[in-house]
Amino acid sequence: MESYNVPKSEIEVLSQEINDEFGSYRIRAGQRVHYVTIATNAFDDDTMCRPHLLIPQLPNFPDKNWTTMEVIRKPDGSLASELSHEPLPAVRMTWHPKTIDVLSLEKVKRHRSGVHEVLYSGLPAICKIACFGWQVPGIEHETYTYSMVEEYRGPGDPVIAPVFLGHMTENGRVIGMLLEKLEGDFASMDDLPACRKTLENFIS
């Protein structure tokens, strides 16, 4: 059976984290997202840090449902890669009926790693995701917090959090959340009494 590879023109680095030993990359290949770990001795520093230099040198990406790829430089100088189909960590606390594929949303603005302003049904919203497995517990905790806010919010209660619009998915697994975009300023120390009062009303 003939195997097909995703063209390099359809490959995009969505997220990256690099330390002294290896680089971790979240990569879109066509309409799938894969996770690639590259030993730092596989390429020079510029290539590891710059997607436009890295992508042309990456091994082929088979157009299949694999999850991770490990890339190393062998002693003879050649590049070697190994694929895995092991399931990736996912958010298990799913309480909202709506799920949205992360690749279906148009990005408007990047706030920080894993947090983007996007367009959802023509309106601005905030997408928060776990870019890598070690970030899933934090998203899990935040998802649970929003479920509690929703459960105990009563009619006429003050707004203490944006509306939870749904769970973000990637290749079918839940990795984040989509939130209403609220306009306004960040809270400062001058707002502390009002924030404390609102919290007291919520937990009372």
C-alpha atoms as a PDB file:
ATOM      1  CA  MET A   1       0.000   0.000   0.000  1.00  0.00           C
ATOM      2  CA  GLU A   2       1.491   3.327  -1.078  1.00  0.00           C
ATOM      3  CA  SER A   3       2.246   5.793   1.693  1.00  0.00           C
ATOM      4  CA  TYR A   4       1.727   9.511   1.231  1.00  0.00           C
ATOM      5  CA  ASN A   5       3.598  12.348   2.927  1.00  0.00           C
ATOM      6  CA  VAL A   6       2.224  15.769   3.756  1.00  0.00           C
ATOM      7  CA  PRO A   7       3.881  18.422   1.530  1.00  0.00           C
ATOM      8  CA  LYS A   8       6.252  20.718   3.413  1.00  0.00           C
ATOM      9  CA  SER A   9       4.158  23.666   2.187  1.00  0.00           C
ATOM     10  CA  GLU A  10       1.300  22.362   4.367  1.00  0.00           C
ATOM     11  CA  ILE A  11       3.424  22.055   7.518  1.00  0.00           C
ATOM     12  CA  GLU A  12       3.342  24.806  10.164  1.00  0.00           C
ATOM     13  CA  VAL A  13       4.939  25.078  13.597  1.00  0.00           C
ATOM     14  CA  LEU A  14       2.140  26.125  15.946  1.00  0.00           C
ATOM     15  CA  SER A  15       4.066  26.056  19.255  1.00  0.00           C
ATOM     16  CA  GLN A  16       7.619  25.376  20.385  1.00  0.00           C
ATOM     17  CA  GLU A  17       9.568  24.991  23.642  1.00  0.00           C
ATOM     18  CA  ILE A  18      13.347  24.486  23.548  1.00  0.00           C
ATOM     19  CA  ASN A  19      15.762  23.644  26.352  1.00  0.00           C
ATOM     20  CA  ASP A  20      19.385  22.484  26.495  1.00  0.00           C
ATOM     21  CA  GLU A  21      18.557  18.870  25.622  1.00  0.00           C
ATOM     22  CA  PHE A  22      15.694  18.928  23.146  1.00  0.00           C
ATOM     23  CA  GLY A  23      13.082  21.020  21.401  1.00  0.00           C
ATOM     24  CA  SER A  24       9.369  20.258  21.650  1.00  0.00           C
ATOM     25  CA  TYR A  25       7.195  21.276  18.728  1.00  0.00           C
ATOM     26  CA  ARG A  26       3.462  21.256  18.089  1.00  0.00           C
ATOM     27  CA  ILE A  27       3.112  21.043  14.329  1.00  0.00           C
ATOM     28  CA  ARG A  28       0.183  21.205  11.946  1.00  0.00           C
ATOM     29  CA  ALA A  29       0.534  18.904   8.959  1.00  0.00           C
ATOM     30  CA  GLY A  30      -2.438  19.350   6.655  1.00  0.00           C
ATOM     31  CA  GLN A  31      -5.502  19.043   8.895  1.00  0.00           C
ATOM     32  CA  ARG A  32      -3.783  17.068  11.654  1.00  0.00           C
ATOM     33  CA  VAL A  33      -1.590  18.183  14.549  1.00  0.00           C
ATOM     34  CA  HIS A  34       1.479  16.180  15.587  1.00  0.00           C
ATOM     35  CA  TYR A  35       4.077  16.553  18.340  1.00  0.00           C
ATOM     36  CA  VAL A  36       7.761  16.409  17.483  1.00  0.00           C
ATOM     37  CA  THR A  37      10.720  16.137  19.860  1.00  0.00           C
ATOM     38  CA  ILE A  38      14.113  17.004  18.383  1.00  0.00           C
ATOM     39  CA  ALA A  39      17.460  16.478  20.120  1.00  0.00           C
ATOM     40  CA  THR A  40      19.334  19.779  20.220  1.00  0.00           C
ATOM     41  CA  ASN A  41      22.359  18.248  18.484  1.00  0.00           C
ATOM     42  CA  ALA A  42      20.225  17.381  15.461  1.00  0.00           C
ATOM     43  CA  PHE A  43      20.345  20.935  14.062  1.00  0.00           C
ATOM     44  CA  ASP A  44      22.119  24.216  14.793  1.00  0.00           C
ATOM     45  CA  ASP A  45      20.549  26.732  17.179  1.00  0.00           C
ATOM     46  CA  ASP A  46      19.134  28.976  14.457  1.00  0.00           C
ATOM     47  CA  THR A  47      17.399  26.056  12.776  1.00  0.00           C
ATOM     48  CA  MET A  48      15.938  24.812  16.073  1.00  0.00           C
ATOM     49  CA  CYS A  49      14.492  28.251  16.835  1.00  0.00           C
ATOM     50  CA  ARG A  50      13.301  29.377  13.399  1.00  0.00           C
ATOM     51  CA  PRO A  51      10.413  27.422  11.837  1.00  0.00           C
ATOM     52  CA  HIS A  52      11.185  28.617   8.302  1.00  0.00           C
ATOM     53  CA  LEU A  53      14.645  27.023   8.612  1.00  0.00           C
ATOM     54  CA  LEU A  54      13.473  23.942  10.484  1.00  0.00           C
ATOM     55  CA  ILE A  55      10.553  22.782   8.359  1.00  0.00           C
ATOM     56  CA  PRO A  56      12.549  22.091   5.153  1.00  0.00           C
ATOM     57  CA  GLN A  57      14.960  19.895   7.143  1.00  0.00           C
ATOM     58  CA  LEU A  58      12.356  17.856   9.003  1.00  0.00           C
ATOM     59  CA  PRO A  59      11.828  14.196   8.088  1.00  0.00           C
ATOM     60  CA  ASN A  60       8.771  13.338   6.023  1.00  0.00           C
ATOM     61  CA  PHE A  61       5.403  13.544   7.771  1.00  0.00           C
ATOM     62  CA  PRO A  62       3.314  10.510   6.756  1.00  0.00           C
ATOM     63  CA  ASP A  63      -0.287  11.495   6.085  1.00  0.00           C
ATOM     64  CA  LYS A  64      -1.596   9.204   8.826  1.00  0.00           C
ATOM     65  CA  ASN A  65      -2.952   9.397  12.383  1.00  0.00           C
ATOM     66  CA  TRP A  66       0.339   9.179  14.286  1.00  0.00           C
ATOM     67  CA  THR A  67       0.780  11.323  17.390  1.00  0.00           C
ATOM     68  CA  THR A  68       4.476  11.928  18.092  1.00  0.00           C
ATOM     69  CA  MET A  69       7.807  11.888  16.295  1.00  0.00           C
ATOM     70  CA  GLU A  70      11.272  11.744  17.859  1.00  0.00           C
ATOM     71  CA  VAL A  71      14.149  13.087  15.766  1.00  0.00           C
ATOM     72  CA  ILE A  72      17.832  12.434  16.501  1.00  0.00           C
ATOM     73  CA  ARG A  73      21.184  12.806  14.745  1.00  0.00           C
ATOM     74  CA  LYS A  74      22.939   9.445  14.521  1.00  0.00           C
ATOM     75  CA  PRO A  75      26.715   9.057  15.071  1.00  0.00           C
ATOM     76  CA  ASP A  76      27.267   8.786  11.306  1.00  0.00           C
ATOM     77  CA  GLY A  77      25.672  12.236  10.873  1.00  0.00           C
ATOM     78  CA  SER A  78      22.424  11.052   9.323  1.00  0.00           C
ATOM     79  CA  LEU A  79      19.007  12.013  10.646  1.00  0.00           C
ATOM     80  CA  ALA A  80      16.715   9.379  12.153  1.00  0.00           C
ATOM     81  CA  SER A  81      13.094   9.616  13.230  1.00  0.00           C
ATOM     82  CA  GLU A  82      10.647   7.353  15.014  1.00  0.00           C
ATOM     83  CA  LEU A  83       6.859   7.664  15.042  1.00  0.00           C
ATOM     84  CA  SER A  84       4.477   6.745  17.842  1.00  0.00           C
ATOM     85  CA  HIS A  85       0.714   6.247  17.928  1.00  0.00           C
ATOM     86  CA  GLU A  86       0.445   6.433  21.719  1.00  0.00           C
ATOM     87  CA  PRO A  87      -2.538   8.529  22.920  1.00  0.00           C
ATOM     88  CA  LEU A  88      -1.721  12.016  24.186  1.00  0.00           C
ATOM     89  CA  PRO A  89      -2.892  13.553  27.490  1.00  0.00           C
ATOM     90  CA  ALA A  90      -6.315  15.170  27.313  1.00  0.00           C
ATOM     91  CA  VAL A  91      -8.595  17.259  29.515  1.00  0.00           C
ATOM     92  CA  ARG A  92     -11.048  14.838  31.131  1.00  0.00           C
ATOM     93  CA  MET A  93     -13.286  17.417  32.825  1.00  0.00           C
ATOM     94  CA  THR A  94     -15.742  17.960  29.960  1.00  0.00           C
ATOM     95  CA  TRP A  95     -19.018  19.447  31.143  1.00  0.00           C
ATOM     96  CA  HIS A  96     -20.061  21.789  28.321  1.00  0.00           C
ATOM     97  CA  PRO A  97     -22.041  20.283  25.403  1.00  0.00           C
ATOM     98  CA  LYS A  98     -20.134  22.224  22.735  1.00  0.00           C
ATOM     99  CA  THR A  99     -16.763  21.215  21.265  1.00  0.00           C
ATOM    100  CA  ILE A 100     -14.808  23.257  18.705  1.00  0.00           C
ATOM    101  CA  ASP A 101     -11.840  22.079  16.645  1.00  0.00           C
ATOM    102  CA  VAL A 102      -8.861  24.355  17.259  1.00  0.00           C
ATOM    103  CA  LEU A 103      -7.912  24.420  13.572  1.00  0.00           C
ATOM    104  CA  SER A 104     -11.368  25.692  12.613  1.00  0.00           C
ATOM    105  CA  LEU A 105     -10.916  29.092  14.256  1.00  0.00           C
ATOM    106  CA  GLU A 106      -9.339  32.132  12.628  1.00  0.00           C
ATOM    107  CA  LYS A 107      -6.622  33.636  14.823  1.00  0.00           C
ATOM    108  CA  VAL A 108      -6.794  37.399  15.305  1.00  0.00           C
ATOM    109  CA  LYS A 109      -4.156  38.134  17.948  1.00  0.00           C
ATOM    110  CA  ARG A 110      -1.646  36.195  20.039  1.00  0.00           C
ATOM    111  CA  HIS A 111      -1.650  37.119  23.734  1.00  0.00           C
ATOM    112  CA  ARG A 112       0.833  34.507  24.928  1.00  0.00           C
ATOM    113  CA  SER A 113       1.682  30.877  24.324  1.00  0.00           C
ATOM    114  CA  GLY A 114      -1.565  28.930  24.141  1.00  0.00           C
ATOM    115  CA  VAL A 115      -3.788  32.021  24.391  1.00  0.00           C
ATOM    116  CA  HIS A 116      -5.174  33.661  21.251  1.00  0.00           C
ATOM    117  CA  GLU A 117      -7.981  35.981  20.337  1.00  0.00           C
ATOM    118  CA  VAL A 118      -9.968  34.244  17.613  1.00  0.00           C
ATOM    119  CA  LEU A 119     -13.155  34.661  15.622  1.00  0.00           C
ATOM    120  CA  TYR A 120     -16.009  32.350  16.570  1.00  0.00           C
ATOM    121  CA  SER A 121     -19.318  32.679  14.718  1.00  0.00           C
ATOM    122  CA  GLY A 122     -18.066  36.053  13.507  1.00  0.00           C
ATOM    123  CA  LEU A 123     -17.409  37.394  17.014  1.00  0.00           C
ATOM    124  CA  PRO A 124     -14.141  37.766  18.956  1.00  0.00           C
ATOM    125  CA  ALA A 125     -13.440  35.103  21.579  1.00  0.00           C
ATOM    126  CA  ILE A 126     -10.480  33.880  23.613  1.00  0.00           C
ATOM    127  CA  CYS A 127      -9.012  30.446  22.915  1.00  0.00           C
ATOM    128  CA  LYS A 128      -6.904  28.890  25.703  1.00  0.00           C
ATOM    129  CA  ILE A 129      -5.212  25.553  25.084  1.00  0.00           C
ATOM    130  CA  ALA A 130      -2.536  23.265  26.449  1.00  0.00           C
ATOM    131  CA  CYS A 131       0.163  23.382  23.776  1.00  0.00           C
ATOM    132  CA  PHE A 132       1.999  20.442  25.363  1.00  0.00           C
ATOM    133  CA  GLY A 133       1.115  17.568  27.661  1.00  0.00           C
ATOM    134  CA  TRP A 134       2.611  19.091  30.797  1.00  0.00           C
ATOM    135  CA  GLN A 135       0.173  22.025  30.473  1.00  0.00           C
ATOM    136  CA  VAL A 136      -2.949  19.819  30.495  1.00  0.00           C
ATOM    137  CA  PRO A 137      -3.353  19.736  34.338  1.00  0.00           C
ATOM    138  CA  GLY A 138      -3.522  23.532  34.454  1.00  0.00           C
ATOM    139  CA  ILE A 139      -6.213  23.637  31.769  1.00  0.00           C
ATOM    140  CA  GLU A 140      -8.026  20.800  33.556  1.00  0.00           C
ATOM    141  CA  HIS A 141      -8.112  22.819  36.781  1.00  0.00           C
ATOM    142  CA  GLU A 142      -9.301  25.963  35.023  1.00  0.00           C
ATOM    143  CA  THR A 143     -12.017  24.019  33.176  1.00  0.00           C
ATOM    144  CA  TYR A 144     -13.273  22.681  36.501  1.00  0.00           C
ATOM    145  CA  THR A 145     -13.299  26.201  37.955  1.00  0.00           C
ATOM    146  CA  TYR A 146     -15.475  27.479  35.108  1.00  0.00           C
ATOM    147  CA  SER A 147     -17.863  24.557  35.634  1.00  0.00           C
ATOM    148  CA  MET A 148     -18.285  25.599  39.270  1.00  0.00           C
ATOM    149  CA  VAL A 149     -18.836  29.239  38.321  1.00  0.00           C
ATOM    150  CA  GLU A 150     -21.529  28.152  35.873  1.00  0.00           C
ATOM    151  CA  GLU A 151     -23.174  25.755  38.340  1.00  0.00           C
ATOM    152  CA  TYR A 152     -23.530  28.286  41.132  1.00  0.00           C
ATOM    153  CA  ARG A 153     -24.217  31.435  39.109  1.00  0.00           C
ATOM    154  CA  GLY A 154     -27.717  32.673  39.756  1.00  0.00           C
ATOM    155  CA  PRO A 155     -29.984  35.088  37.878  1.00  0.00           C
ATOM    156  CA  GLY A 156     -28.935  38.644  38.563  1.00  0.00           C
ATOM    157  CA  ASP A 157     -25.519  37.688  39.974  1.00  0.00           C
ATOM    158  CA  PRO A 158     -22.649  40.000  38.971  1.00  0.00           C
ATOM    159  CA  VAL A 159     -20.396  38.818  36.162  1.00  0.00           C
ATOM    160  CA  ILE A 160     -17.226  37.354  37.672  1.00  0.00           C
ATOM    161  CA  ALA A 161     -15.951  35.388  34.652  1.00  0.00           C
ATOM    162  CA  PRO A 162     -16.387  35.289  30.878  1.00  0.00           C
ATOM    163  CA  VAL A 163     -18.950  32.913  29.412  1.00  0.00           C
ATOM    164  CA  PHE A 164     -17.551  29.441  28.717  1.00  0.00           C
ATOM    165  CA  LEU A 165     -18.388  28.840  25.050  1.00  0.00           C
ATOM    166  CA  GLY A 166     -17.101  25.279  24.710  1.00  0.00           C
ATOM    167  CA  HIS A 167     -14.220  22.836  24.855  1.00  0.00           C
ATOM    168  CA  MET A 168     -11.384  23.128  22.325  1.00  0.00           C
ATOM    169  CA  THR A 169     -10.382  19.889  20.620  1.00  0.00           C
ATOM    170  CA  GLU A 170      -7.388  18.800  18.572  1.00  0.00           C
ATOM    171  CA  ASN A 171      -7.504  15.557  16.609  1.00  0.00           C
ATOM    172  CA  GLY A 172     -10.584  14.729  18.675  1.00  0.00           C
ATOM    173  CA  ARG A 173      -9.081  15.146  22.169  1.00  0.00           C
ATOM    174  CA  VAL A 174      -9.960  18.057  24.462  1.00  0.00           C
ATOM    175  CA  ILE A 175      -7.013  20.410  25.034  1.00  0.00           C
ATOM    176  CA  GLY A 176      -8.562  23.705  26.065  1.00  0.00           C
ATOM    177  CA  MET A 177     -11.489  26.073  26.217  1.00  0.00           C
ATOM    178  CA  LEU A 178     -13.149  28.866  24.279  1.00  0.00           C
ATOM    179  CA  LEU A 179     -14.207  31.885  26.312  1.00  0.00           C
ATOM    180  CA  GLU A 180     -16.235  34.995  25.687  1.00  0.00           C
ATOM    181  CA  LYS A 181     -14.034  38.042  25.123  1.00  0.00           C
ATOM    182  CA  LEU A 182     -14.759  40.655  27.777  1.00  0.00           C
ATOM    183  CA  GLU A 183     -13.893  44.273  27.110  1.00  0.00           C
ATOM    184  CA  GLY A 184     -12.394  46.373  29.884  1.00  0.00           C
ATOM    185  CA  ASP A 185      -9.256  47.081  31.875  1.00  0.00           C
ATOM    186  CA  PHE A 186      -7.192  44.708  33.987  1.00  0.00           C
ATOM    187  CA  ALA A 187      -7.924  44.871  37.702  1.00  0.00           C
ATOM    188  CA  SER A 188      -5.498  46.846  39.881  1.00  0.00           C
ATOM    189  CA  MET A 189      -4.966  47.169  43.624  1.00  0.00           C
ATOM    190  CA  ASP A 190      -7.572  49.956  43.613  1.00  0.00           C
ATOM    191  CA  ASP A 191     -10.132  47.343  42.602  1.00  0.00           C
ATOM    192  CA  LEU A 192      -9.310  44.981  45.480  1.00  0.00           C
ATOM    193  CA  PRO A 193     -12.281  45.937  47.727  1.00  0.00           C
ATOM    194  CA  ALA A 194     -14.748  45.437  44.873  1.00  0.00           C
ATOM    195  CA  CYS A 195     -13.122  42.139  43.882  1.00  0.00           C
ATOM    196  CA  ARG A 196     -13.265  40.910  47.485  1.00  0.00           C
ATOM    197  CA  LYS A 197     -16.933  41.864  47.767  1.00  0.00           C
ATOM    198  CA  THR A 198     -17.787  40.057  44.515  1.00  0.00           C
ATOM    199  CA  LEU A 199     -15.965  36.923  45.683  1.00  0.00           C
ATOM    200  CA  GLU A 200     -17.796  37.012  49.021  1.00  0.00           C
ATOM    201  CA  ASN A 201     -21.125  37.187  47.189  1.00  0.00           C
ATOM    202  CA  PHE A 202     -20.123  34.233  45.011  1.00  0.00           C
ATOM    203  CA  ILE A 203     -19.099  31.893  47.838  1.00  0.00           C
ATOM    204  CA  SER A 204     -21.769  32.932  50.319  1.00  0.00           C
END
